[in-house]
Amino acid sequence: MQHPAVPDLSHTHTRPIHWVATATALAAVVALSSVLQPDAATAAQAAGPETKTAPAHSAPPDPAAVAFPLECGPVKAVVHKKASGDLDGDGRPETVAVVHCDAPMGTPPDGVYVITRDSDSGKSRVVATLVDPRERRTVTDFSVRDGGVLARLLGYSSADVPSCCPDVTDDVKWQWKNGAFVRDTPSQARTV
């Protein structure tokens, strides 16, 4: 009797209970990851050729003093990550904040906002939205470097992709040019 080159795997067919177990395990990992968060990321910007020396009293704007344009319903907005640097070359630092709603479960989408300090009143305010939460993106890697904002965005190729499982990754960079933040994608979007 000759044995086939490939073993009989008829006992390995998936059943609905396998998918339920997988979904339960994934939900537990997501819930645990929302509880065990790393400390907020901070990054310093290296001086670039267009950067002017900032006055000694010019501290970066504090994201805690800002009301973000984010609808969170009964929960509050949380600054997940932040980084500061002189993005427009005026000698004063701006702060870029990654913000999302403090949802008790799941992975809420992130918004990325640029905050500046008003030169007259000294109050912090949002001056630009780089990523709108309605885009359903999650920010993983994030920094301010050489006058630019760099981020890795996880997203979805279609509305049919479940929220648990982003399938598109974009590495993006925003640079201040001609009075606005211009988005550049250093590498093409790729699937994960």
N, C-alpha and C. Protein backbone atom coordinates (compact mmCIF):
# COMPACT_ATOMS: atom_id res chain seq x y z
N MET A 1 0.84 -1.17 0.00
CA MET A 1 0.00 0.00 0.00
C MET A 1 0.88 1.23 0.00
N GLN A 2 0.55 2.18 -0.84
CA GLN A 2 1.35 3.38 -0.98
C GLN A 2 0.68 4.52 -0.21
N HIS A 3 1.49 5.31 0.56
CA HIS A 3 0.95 6.44 1.32
C HIS A 3 0.94 7.69 0.45
N PRO A 4 -0.12 8.48 0.53
CA PRO A 4 -0.15 9.70 -0.29
C PRO A 4 0.91 10.69 0.18
N ALA A 5 1.34 11.56 -0.74
CA ALA A 5 2.37 12.57 -0.42
C ALA A 5 1.85 13.59 0.58
N VAL A 6 0.55 13.83 0.56
CA VAL A 6 -0.07 14.78 1.48
C VAL A 6 -0.97 14.00 2.43
N PRO A 7 -0.82 14.22 3.73
CA PRO A 7 -1.66 13.47 4.67
C PRO A 7 -3.12 13.89 4.56
N ASP A 8 -3.99 13.00 4.96
CA ASP A 8 -5.42 13.29 4.98
C ASP A 8 -5.71 14.25 6.12
N LEU A 9 -6.20 15.45 5.80
CA LEU A 9 -6.47 16.46 6.82
C LEU A 9 -7.96 16.70 6.97
N SER A 10 -8.75 15.70 6.73
CA SER A 10 -10.20 15.87 6.80
C SER A 10 -10.66 16.26 8.20
N HIS A 11 -9.90 15.93 9.22
CA HIS A 11 -10.28 16.28 10.60
C HIS A 11 -9.99 17.75 10.94
N THR A 12 -9.38 18.50 10.03
CA THR A 12 -9.00 19.88 10.33
C THR A 12 -9.97 20.92 9.76
N HIS A 13 -11.11 20.53 9.29
CA HIS A 13 -12.07 21.49 8.75
C HIS A 13 -12.55 22.41 9.87
N THR A 14 -12.64 23.72 9.56
CA THR A 14 -13.10 24.66 10.58
C THR A 14 -14.60 24.59 10.73
N ARG A 15 -15.03 24.80 11.92
CA ARG A 15 -16.45 24.82 12.24
C ARG A 15 -16.75 26.17 12.89
N PRO A 16 -18.01 26.56 12.98
CA PRO A 16 -18.36 27.85 13.58
C PRO A 16 -17.75 28.06 14.97
N ILE A 17 -17.63 27.00 15.75
CA ILE A 17 -17.08 27.15 17.10
C ILE A 17 -15.61 27.59 17.05
N HIS A 18 -14.88 27.17 16.02
CA HIS A 18 -13.50 27.61 15.86
C HIS A 18 -13.44 29.12 15.64
N TRP A 19 -14.35 29.63 14.82
CA TRP A 19 -14.37 31.08 14.55
C TRP A 19 -14.78 31.85 15.80
N VAL A 20 -15.71 31.31 16.57
CA VAL A 20 -16.13 31.97 17.82
C VAL A 20 -14.95 32.02 18.80
N ALA A 21 -14.23 30.92 18.91
CA ALA A 21 -13.06 30.89 19.80
C ALA A 21 -12.00 31.88 19.35
N THR A 22 -11.76 31.95 18.05
CA THR A 22 -10.77 32.90 17.51
C THR A 22 -11.21 34.34 17.78
N ALA A 23 -12.48 34.65 17.52
CA ALA A 23 -12.99 36.01 17.76
C ALA A 23 -12.92 36.37 19.24
N THR A 24 -13.22 35.41 20.12
CA THR A 24 -13.16 35.67 21.57
C THR A 24 -11.72 35.95 21.99
N ALA A 25 -10.78 35.17 21.50
CA ALA A 25 -9.38 35.39 21.85
C ALA A 25 -8.90 36.74 21.33
N LEU A 26 -9.28 37.10 20.11
CA LEU A 26 -8.89 38.39 19.54
C LEU A 26 -9.49 39.54 20.34
N ALA A 27 -10.75 39.41 20.74
CA ALA A 27 -11.40 40.45 21.54
C ALA A 27 -10.69 40.61 22.88
N ALA A 28 -10.25 39.50 23.48
CA ALA A 28 -9.54 39.58 24.75
C ALA A 28 -8.20 40.30 24.58
N VAL A 29 -7.49 40.02 23.50
CA VAL A 29 -6.21 40.70 23.24
C VAL A 29 -6.43 42.19 23.04
N VAL A 30 -7.45 42.57 22.25
CA VAL A 30 -7.73 43.98 22.01
C VAL A 30 -8.12 44.69 23.31
N ALA A 31 -8.97 44.06 24.12
CA ALA A 31 -9.39 44.65 25.38
C ALA A 31 -8.19 44.82 26.31
N LEU A 32 -7.33 43.81 26.39
CA LEU A 32 -6.16 43.89 27.25
C LEU A 32 -5.20 44.97 26.75
N SER A 33 -5.05 45.10 25.44
CA SER A 33 -4.13 46.11 24.91
C SER A 33 -4.64 47.52 25.17
N SER A 34 -5.96 47.70 25.28
CA SER A 34 -6.48 49.03 25.57
C SER A 34 -6.25 49.40 27.03
N VAL A 35 -6.10 48.40 27.90
CA VAL A 35 -5.83 48.66 29.31
C VAL A 35 -4.34 48.88 29.53
N LEU A 36 -3.52 48.10 28.89
CA LEU A 36 -2.07 48.17 29.07
C LEU A 36 -1.46 49.01 27.96
N GLN A 37 -1.50 50.32 28.10
CA GLN A 37 -0.97 51.23 27.10
C GLN A 37 0.42 51.71 27.50
N PRO A 38 1.34 51.89 26.55
CA PRO A 38 2.64 52.46 26.88
C PRO A 38 2.49 53.94 27.20
N ASP A 39 3.53 54.51 27.82
CA ASP A 39 3.52 55.94 28.09
C ASP A 39 3.42 56.71 26.79
N ALA A 40 2.91 57.93 26.87
CA ALA A 40 2.76 58.77 25.68
C ALA A 40 4.12 59.00 25.03
N ALA A 41 4.14 58.96 23.70
CA ALA A 41 5.37 59.17 22.96
C ALA A 41 5.68 60.65 22.88
N THR A 42 6.93 60.96 23.00
CA THR A 42 7.37 62.33 22.81
C THR A 42 8.57 62.30 21.88
N ALA A 43 8.71 63.33 21.11
CA ALA A 43 9.83 63.41 20.18
C ALA A 43 10.29 64.84 20.10
N ALA A 44 11.58 65.01 19.95
CA ALA A 44 12.12 66.35 19.77
C ALA A 44 12.55 66.50 18.33
N GLN A 45 12.41 67.68 17.81
CA GLN A 45 12.77 67.93 16.43
C GLN A 45 14.19 68.47 16.36
N ALA A 46 14.95 67.92 15.43
CA ALA A 46 16.28 68.45 15.19
C ALA A 46 16.15 69.77 14.43
N ALA A 47 17.04 70.69 14.71
CA ALA A 47 16.99 71.99 14.03
C ALA A 47 17.26 71.80 12.55
N GLY A 48 16.41 72.39 11.73
CA GLY A 48 16.56 72.31 10.28
C GLY A 48 17.03 73.65 9.75
N PRO A 49 17.28 73.74 8.46
CA PRO A 49 17.80 74.98 7.88
C PRO A 49 16.82 76.14 7.97
N GLU A 50 15.48 75.85 8.01
CA GLU A 50 14.51 76.94 8.06
C GLU A 50 14.11 77.30 9.48
N THR A 51 14.56 76.53 10.47
CA THR A 51 14.15 76.75 11.84
C THR A 51 14.88 77.94 12.44
N LYS A 52 14.11 78.83 13.04
CA LYS A 52 14.68 79.97 13.73
C LYS A 52 14.80 79.61 15.20
N THR A 53 15.65 80.30 15.91
CA THR A 53 15.80 80.04 17.33
C THR A 53 14.56 80.52 18.06
N ALA A 54 13.99 79.62 18.87
CA ALA A 54 12.78 79.96 19.62
C ALA A 54 13.15 80.75 20.86
N PRO A 55 12.31 81.70 21.24
CA PRO A 55 12.55 82.41 22.49
C PRO A 55 12.56 81.43 23.66
N ALA A 56 13.34 81.71 24.67
CA ALA A 56 13.49 80.82 25.81
C ALA A 56 12.15 80.56 26.51
N HIS A 57 11.24 81.53 26.48
CA HIS A 57 9.97 81.38 27.18
C HIS A 57 8.90 80.68 26.34
N SER A 58 9.25 80.24 25.14
CA SER A 58 8.28 79.65 24.23
C SER A 58 8.20 78.14 24.44
N ALA A 59 7.29 77.72 25.31
CA ALA A 59 7.08 76.30 25.55
C ALA A 59 6.08 75.76 24.53
N PRO A 60 6.17 74.48 24.21
CA PRO A 60 5.21 73.90 23.28
C PRO A 60 3.79 73.98 23.85
N PRO A 61 2.79 74.12 23.00
CA PRO A 61 1.41 74.15 23.48
C PRO A 61 1.03 72.85 24.17
N ASP A 62 0.21 72.96 25.19
CA ASP A 62 -0.23 71.80 25.96
C ASP A 62 -1.54 71.27 25.40
N PRO A 63 -1.57 70.02 24.90
CA PRO A 63 -2.81 69.48 24.34
C PRO A 63 -3.93 69.35 25.38
N ALA A 64 -3.58 69.28 26.66
CA ALA A 64 -4.60 69.16 27.70
C ALA A 64 -5.45 70.43 27.81
N ALA A 65 -4.94 71.54 27.27
CA ALA A 65 -5.66 72.81 27.35
C ALA A 65 -6.52 73.08 26.12
N VAL A 66 -6.71 72.08 25.28
CA VAL A 66 -7.41 72.27 24.01
C VAL A 66 -8.67 71.41 23.95
N ALA A 67 -9.71 71.96 23.36
CA ALA A 67 -10.92 71.17 23.04
C ALA A 67 -10.78 70.71 21.59
N PHE A 68 -10.65 69.41 21.40
CA PHE A 68 -10.45 68.86 20.06
C PHE A 68 -11.78 68.73 19.33
N PRO A 69 -11.78 68.90 18.00
CA PRO A 69 -13.01 68.75 17.21
C PRO A 69 -13.35 67.27 17.01
N LEU A 70 -13.71 66.62 18.11
CA LEU A 70 -13.92 65.18 18.11
C LEU A 70 -15.20 64.89 18.88
N GLU A 71 -16.13 64.16 18.26
CA GLU A 71 -17.39 63.80 18.90
C GLU A 71 -17.22 62.47 19.61
N CYS A 72 -17.25 62.50 20.95
CA CYS A 72 -17.04 61.28 21.73
C CYS A 72 -18.26 60.81 22.50
N GLY A 73 -19.37 61.50 22.38
CA GLY A 73 -20.56 61.09 23.11
C GLY A 73 -20.33 61.15 24.61
N PRO A 74 -20.66 60.06 25.34
CA PRO A 74 -20.55 60.11 26.80
C PRO A 74 -19.12 59.95 27.33
N VAL A 75 -18.17 59.56 26.49
CA VAL A 75 -16.79 59.41 26.96
C VAL A 75 -15.97 60.63 26.56
N LYS A 76 -14.78 60.77 27.11
CA LYS A 76 -13.96 61.94 26.82
C LYS A 76 -12.88 61.63 25.78
N ALA A 77 -12.32 62.69 25.22
CA ALA A 77 -11.21 62.55 24.28
C ALA A 77 -9.92 62.36 25.08
N VAL A 78 -9.05 61.49 24.59
CA VAL A 78 -7.79 61.19 25.25
C VAL A 78 -6.64 61.44 24.29
N VAL A 79 -5.61 62.15 24.77
CA VAL A 79 -4.40 62.34 23.96
C VAL A 79 -3.58 61.06 24.11
N HIS A 80 -3.47 60.32 23.02
CA HIS A 80 -2.79 59.03 23.02
C HIS A 80 -1.28 59.20 22.85
N LYS A 81 -0.88 60.12 21.99
CA LYS A 81 0.54 60.41 21.73
C LYS A 81 0.67 61.89 21.44
N LYS A 82 1.87 62.43 21.68
CA LYS A 82 2.12 63.83 21.32
C LYS A 82 3.60 64.01 21.05
N ALA A 83 3.90 65.01 20.22
CA ALA A 83 5.28 65.37 19.90
C ALA A 83 5.29 66.84 19.53
N SER A 84 6.41 67.52 19.80
CA SER A 84 6.49 68.96 19.53
C SER A 84 7.72 69.30 18.70
N GLY A 85 7.61 70.39 17.98
CA GLY A 85 8.71 70.91 17.18
C GLY A 85 8.22 72.11 16.38
N ASP A 86 9.15 72.87 15.84
CA ASP A 86 8.80 74.03 15.03
C ASP A 86 8.49 73.56 13.61
N LEU A 87 7.22 73.45 13.30
CA LEU A 87 6.79 72.90 12.01
C LEU A 87 6.74 73.94 10.90
N ASP A 88 6.51 75.22 11.24
CA ASP A 88 6.36 76.25 10.21
C ASP A 88 7.54 77.20 10.12
N GLY A 89 8.60 76.96 10.90
CA GLY A 89 9.81 77.76 10.81
C GLY A 89 9.70 79.15 11.40
N ASP A 90 8.71 79.39 12.28
CA ASP A 90 8.55 80.72 12.88
C ASP A 90 9.29 80.88 14.20
N GLY A 91 10.02 79.85 14.62
CA GLY A 91 10.77 79.94 15.86
C GLY A 91 9.98 79.53 17.09
N ARG A 92 8.70 79.21 16.93
CA ARG A 92 7.87 78.78 18.06
C ARG A 92 7.43 77.32 17.82
N PRO A 93 7.51 76.49 18.85
CA PRO A 93 7.13 75.09 18.65
C PRO A 93 5.61 74.89 18.57
N GLU A 94 5.23 73.93 17.76
CA GLU A 94 3.85 73.47 17.70
C GLU A 94 3.83 72.07 18.34
N THR A 95 2.65 71.63 18.75
CA THR A 95 2.48 70.29 19.27
C THR A 95 1.52 69.55 18.35
N VAL A 96 1.88 68.32 18.04
CA VAL A 96 1.01 67.46 17.25
C VAL A 96 0.50 66.37 18.20
N ALA A 97 -0.82 66.20 18.23
CA ALA A 97 -1.42 65.24 19.16
C ALA A 97 -2.24 64.20 18.41
N VAL A 98 -2.07 62.95 18.83
CA VAL A 98 -2.88 61.84 18.34
C VAL A 98 -3.95 61.63 19.41
N VAL A 99 -5.21 61.80 19.02
CA VAL A 99 -6.32 61.82 19.98
C VAL A 99 -7.40 60.85 19.54
N HIS A 100 -8.01 60.17 20.51
CA HIS A 100 -9.16 59.33 20.21
C HIS A 100 -10.12 59.35 21.39
N CYS A 101 -11.33 58.87 21.16
CA CYS A 101 -12.32 58.77 22.23
C CYS A 101 -11.93 57.64 23.16
N ASP A 102 -12.12 57.83 24.45
CA ASP A 102 -11.75 56.85 25.47
C ASP A 102 -12.83 55.77 25.55
N ALA A 103 -12.90 54.96 24.51
CA ALA A 103 -13.91 53.91 24.43
C ALA A 103 -13.52 52.76 25.36
N PRO A 104 -14.50 52.16 26.07
CA PRO A 104 -14.18 51.08 26.99
C PRO A 104 -13.76 49.79 26.29
N MET A 105 -14.15 49.61 25.03
CA MET A 105 -13.78 48.40 24.29
C MET A 105 -13.43 48.76 22.86
N GLY A 106 -12.68 47.91 22.23
CA GLY A 106 -12.35 48.11 20.82
C GLY A 106 -11.22 49.09 20.63
N THR A 107 -11.00 49.44 19.38
CA THR A 107 -9.94 50.37 19.02
C THR A 107 -10.59 51.56 18.32
N PRO A 108 -10.82 52.66 19.06
CA PRO A 108 -11.44 53.82 18.43
C PRO A 108 -10.48 54.46 17.43
N PRO A 109 -11.00 55.05 16.35
CA PRO A 109 -10.11 55.67 15.37
C PRO A 109 -9.43 56.90 15.95
N ASP A 110 -8.24 57.20 15.43
CA ASP A 110 -7.46 58.34 15.90
C ASP A 110 -7.71 59.57 15.03
N GLY A 111 -7.54 60.72 15.65
CA GLY A 111 -7.46 61.99 14.95
C GLY A 111 -6.07 62.55 15.21
N VAL A 112 -5.48 63.23 14.23
CA VAL A 112 -4.17 63.84 14.42
C VAL A 112 -4.34 65.34 14.22
N TYR A 113 -3.97 66.12 15.24
CA TYR A 113 -4.22 67.56 15.26
C TYR A 113 -2.94 68.32 15.55
N VAL A 114 -2.79 69.48 14.88
CA VAL A 114 -1.67 70.38 15.13
C VAL A 114 -2.18 71.50 16.03
N ILE A 115 -1.43 71.75 17.10
CA ILE A 115 -1.82 72.77 18.09
C ILE A 115 -0.73 73.83 18.11
N THR A 116 -1.14 75.08 18.15
CA THR A 116 -0.20 76.19 18.28
C THR A 116 -0.64 77.06 19.44
N ARG A 117 0.25 77.92 19.86
CA ARG A 117 -0.06 78.87 20.92
C ARG A 117 -0.29 80.23 20.27
N ASP A 118 -1.42 80.85 20.56
CA ASP A 118 -1.74 82.17 20.02
C ASP A 118 -0.71 83.18 20.52
N SER A 119 -0.10 83.93 19.61
CA SER A 119 0.96 84.86 20.00
C SER A 119 0.45 86.00 20.87
N ASP A 120 -0.82 86.39 20.73
CA ASP A 120 -1.37 87.48 21.53
C ASP A 120 -1.81 87.01 22.91
N SER A 121 -2.68 85.99 22.96
CA SER A 121 -3.24 85.56 24.24
C SER A 121 -2.43 84.46 24.91
N GLY A 122 -1.61 83.74 24.15
CA GLY A 122 -0.85 82.63 24.71
C GLY A 122 -1.65 81.35 24.87
N LYS A 123 -2.93 81.38 24.45
CA LYS A 123 -3.78 80.19 24.58
C LYS A 123 -3.48 79.20 23.46
N SER A 124 -3.59 77.91 23.80
CA SER A 124 -3.38 76.84 22.82
C SER A 124 -4.66 76.63 22.03
N ARG A 125 -4.49 76.34 20.73
CA ARG A 125 -5.66 76.09 19.88
C ARG A 125 -5.27 75.16 18.73
N VAL A 126 -6.26 74.40 18.24
CA VAL A 126 -6.05 73.51 17.10
C VAL A 126 -6.05 74.34 15.83
N VAL A 127 -5.00 74.19 15.01
CA VAL A 127 -4.92 74.95 13.76
C VAL A 127 -5.02 74.06 12.52
N ALA A 128 -4.88 72.75 12.69
CA ALA A 128 -4.98 71.85 11.53
C ALA A 128 -5.36 70.45 11.98
N THR A 129 -6.13 69.77 11.13
CA THR A 129 -6.46 68.36 11.32
C THR A 129 -5.74 67.59 10.23
N LEU A 130 -4.78 66.75 10.62
CA LEU A 130 -4.03 65.97 9.65
C LEU A 130 -4.74 64.65 9.33
N VAL A 131 -5.35 64.04 10.34
CA VAL A 131 -6.14 62.82 10.15
C VAL A 131 -7.46 63.02 10.87
N ASP A 132 -8.55 62.90 10.14
CA ASP A 132 -9.89 63.02 10.72
C ASP A 132 -10.32 61.64 11.20
N PRO A 133 -10.86 61.52 12.41
CA PRO A 133 -11.29 60.21 12.91
C PRO A 133 -12.31 59.52 12.00
N ARG A 134 -13.04 60.27 11.21
CA ARG A 134 -14.01 59.66 10.30
C ARG A 134 -13.33 58.82 9.22
N GLU A 135 -12.00 58.98 9.06
CA GLU A 135 -11.26 58.15 8.10
C GLU A 135 -11.02 56.73 8.62
N ARG A 136 -11.36 56.48 9.89
CA ARG A 136 -11.19 55.16 10.52
C ARG A 136 -9.74 54.69 10.48
N ARG A 137 -8.83 55.54 10.92
CA ARG A 137 -7.39 55.21 10.92
C ARG A 137 -6.89 55.07 12.34
N THR A 138 -5.89 54.24 12.53
CA THR A 138 -5.20 54.10 13.80
C THR A 138 -3.74 54.47 13.56
N VAL A 139 -3.18 55.31 14.42
CA VAL A 139 -1.80 55.76 14.28
C VAL A 139 -0.92 54.85 15.14
N THR A 140 0.11 54.25 14.52
CA THR A 140 1.02 53.40 15.30
C THR A 140 2.33 54.13 15.54
N ASP A 141 3.17 54.27 14.53
CA ASP A 141 4.43 55.00 14.69
C ASP A 141 4.14 56.48 14.46
N PHE A 142 4.79 57.33 15.26
CA PHE A 142 4.47 58.76 15.19
C PHE A 142 5.65 59.56 15.71
N SER A 143 6.05 60.62 14.97
CA SER A 143 7.13 61.49 15.43
C SER A 143 7.09 62.82 14.68
N VAL A 144 7.77 63.80 15.27
CA VAL A 144 8.02 65.09 14.61
C VAL A 144 9.53 65.14 14.41
N ARG A 145 9.94 65.29 13.14
CA ARG A 145 11.37 65.27 12.84
C ARG A 145 11.65 66.13 11.62
N ASP A 146 12.68 66.95 11.70
CA ASP A 146 13.11 67.80 10.59
C ASP A 146 11.98 68.66 10.03
N GLY A 147 11.15 69.20 10.93
CA GLY A 147 10.06 70.08 10.51
C GLY A 147 8.88 69.37 9.90
N GLY A 148 8.83 68.04 9.99
CA GLY A 148 7.73 67.28 9.43
C GLY A 148 7.09 66.37 10.46
N VAL A 149 5.88 65.94 10.18
CA VAL A 149 5.16 65.00 11.03
C VAL A 149 5.13 63.67 10.29
N LEU A 150 5.66 62.63 10.91
CA LEU A 150 5.70 61.31 10.29
C LEU A 150 4.79 60.37 11.07
N ALA A 151 4.06 59.52 10.36
CA ALA A 151 3.17 58.57 11.03
C ALA A 151 2.96 57.34 10.17
N ARG A 152 2.65 56.25 10.83
CA ARG A 152 2.19 55.03 10.15
C ARG A 152 0.72 54.91 10.49
N LEU A 153 -0.11 54.82 9.46
CA LEU A 153 -1.56 54.76 9.62
C LEU A 153 -2.07 53.38 9.22
N LEU A 154 -2.84 52.77 10.09
CA LEU A 154 -3.49 51.51 9.77
C LEU A 154 -4.93 51.83 9.38
N GLY A 155 -5.41 51.19 8.33
CA GLY A 155 -6.76 51.46 7.85
C GLY A 155 -7.37 50.25 7.18
N TYR A 156 -8.40 50.51 6.39
CA TYR A 156 -9.22 49.45 5.83
C TYR A 156 -9.40 49.66 4.33
N SER A 157 -9.32 48.58 3.58
CA SER A 157 -9.46 48.67 2.13
C SER A 157 -10.91 48.86 1.71
N SER A 158 -11.86 48.48 2.57
CA SER A 158 -13.28 48.66 2.26
C SER A 158 -14.06 48.68 3.57
N ALA A 159 -15.32 49.06 3.48
CA ALA A 159 -16.19 49.07 4.66
C ALA A 159 -16.52 47.66 5.13
N ASP A 160 -16.24 46.66 4.31
CA ASP A 160 -16.52 45.27 4.67
C ASP A 160 -15.47 44.67 5.60
N VAL A 161 -14.31 45.33 5.72
CA VAL A 161 -13.25 44.81 6.58
C VAL A 161 -13.62 45.09 8.03
N PRO A 162 -13.59 44.08 8.91
CA PRO A 162 -13.96 44.29 10.31
C PRO A 162 -13.01 45.26 11.01
N SER A 163 -13.54 46.01 11.98
CA SER A 163 -12.76 47.00 12.71
C SER A 163 -11.58 46.40 13.46
N CYS A 164 -11.67 45.12 13.77
CA CYS A 164 -10.58 44.48 14.51
C CYS A 164 -9.33 44.28 13.67
N CYS A 165 -9.49 44.31 12.36
CA CYS A 165 -8.43 43.78 11.50
C CYS A 165 -8.07 44.72 10.36
N PRO A 166 -7.41 45.85 10.63
CA PRO A 166 -7.03 46.74 9.53
C PRO A 166 -6.15 45.99 8.53
N ASP A 167 -6.37 46.27 7.24
CA ASP A 167 -5.64 45.53 6.21
C ASP A 167 -4.81 46.42 5.29
N VAL A 168 -4.71 47.72 5.62
CA VAL A 168 -3.91 48.65 4.82
C VAL A 168 -3.00 49.45 5.75
N THR A 169 -1.75 49.62 5.34
CA THR A 169 -0.79 50.41 6.10
C THR A 169 -0.24 51.51 5.20
N ASP A 170 -0.26 52.75 5.69
CA ASP A 170 0.31 53.88 4.97
C ASP A 170 1.37 54.55 5.84
N ASP A 171 2.56 54.75 5.29
CA ASP A 171 3.56 55.58 5.94
C ASP A 171 3.43 56.96 5.31
N VAL A 172 3.13 57.97 6.13
CA VAL A 172 2.87 59.31 5.60
C VAL A 172 3.73 60.35 6.30
N LYS A 173 3.85 61.49 5.63
CA LYS A 173 4.60 62.62 6.18
C LYS A 173 3.86 63.89 5.78
N TRP A 174 3.71 64.81 6.74
CA TRP A 174 3.13 66.12 6.47
C TRP A 174 4.22 67.15 6.67
N GLN A 175 4.31 68.08 5.73
CA GLN A 175 5.31 69.15 5.78
C GLN A 175 4.58 70.47 5.54
N TRP A 176 4.99 71.52 6.25
CA TRP A 176 4.41 72.85 6.07
C TRP A 176 4.98 73.44 4.80
N LYS A 177 4.10 73.73 3.81
CA LYS A 177 4.53 74.32 2.54
C LYS A 177 3.48 75.32 2.09
N ASN A 178 3.91 76.52 1.78
CA ASN A 178 3.03 77.57 1.25
C ASN A 178 1.78 77.79 2.09
N GLY A 179 1.94 77.80 3.42
CA GLY A 179 0.83 78.12 4.31
C GLY A 179 -0.12 76.99 4.62
N ALA A 180 0.25 75.74 4.33
CA ALA A 180 -0.62 74.61 4.63
C ALA A 180 0.23 73.35 4.85
N PHE A 181 -0.36 72.38 5.54
CA PHE A 181 0.31 71.10 5.71
C PHE A 181 0.02 70.24 4.49
N VAL A 182 1.08 69.79 3.83
CA VAL A 182 0.96 68.98 2.62
C VAL A 182 1.34 67.55 2.97
N ARG A 183 0.47 66.62 2.59
CA ARG A 183 0.71 65.21 2.89
C ARG A 183 1.48 64.56 1.76
N ASP A 184 2.48 63.80 2.15
CA ASP A 184 3.30 63.06 1.21
C ASP A 184 3.31 61.62 1.69
N THR A 185 3.25 60.68 0.77
CA THR A 185 3.32 59.27 1.12
C THR A 185 4.66 58.75 0.62
N PRO A 186 5.65 58.65 1.55
CA PRO A 186 6.98 58.21 1.12
C PRO A 186 6.97 56.85 0.45
N SER A 187 6.15 55.93 0.94
CA SER A 187 6.04 54.63 0.28
C SER A 187 4.57 54.38 -0.03
N GLN A 188 4.33 53.58 -1.03
CA GLN A 188 2.95 53.30 -1.43
C GLN A 188 2.23 52.52 -0.34
N ALA A 189 0.91 52.66 -0.30
CA ALA A 189 0.11 51.90 0.66
C ALA A 189 0.36 50.42 0.44
N ARG A 190 0.41 49.68 1.52
CA ARG A 190 0.62 48.25 1.37
C ARG A 190 -0.34 47.51 2.29
N THR A 191 -0.62 46.30 1.94
CA THR A 191 -1.54 45.49 2.75
C THR A 191 -0.75 44.80 3.84
N VAL A 192 -1.41 44.58 4.96
CA VAL A 192 -0.76 43.87 6.06
C VAL A 192 -1.32 42.48 6.20
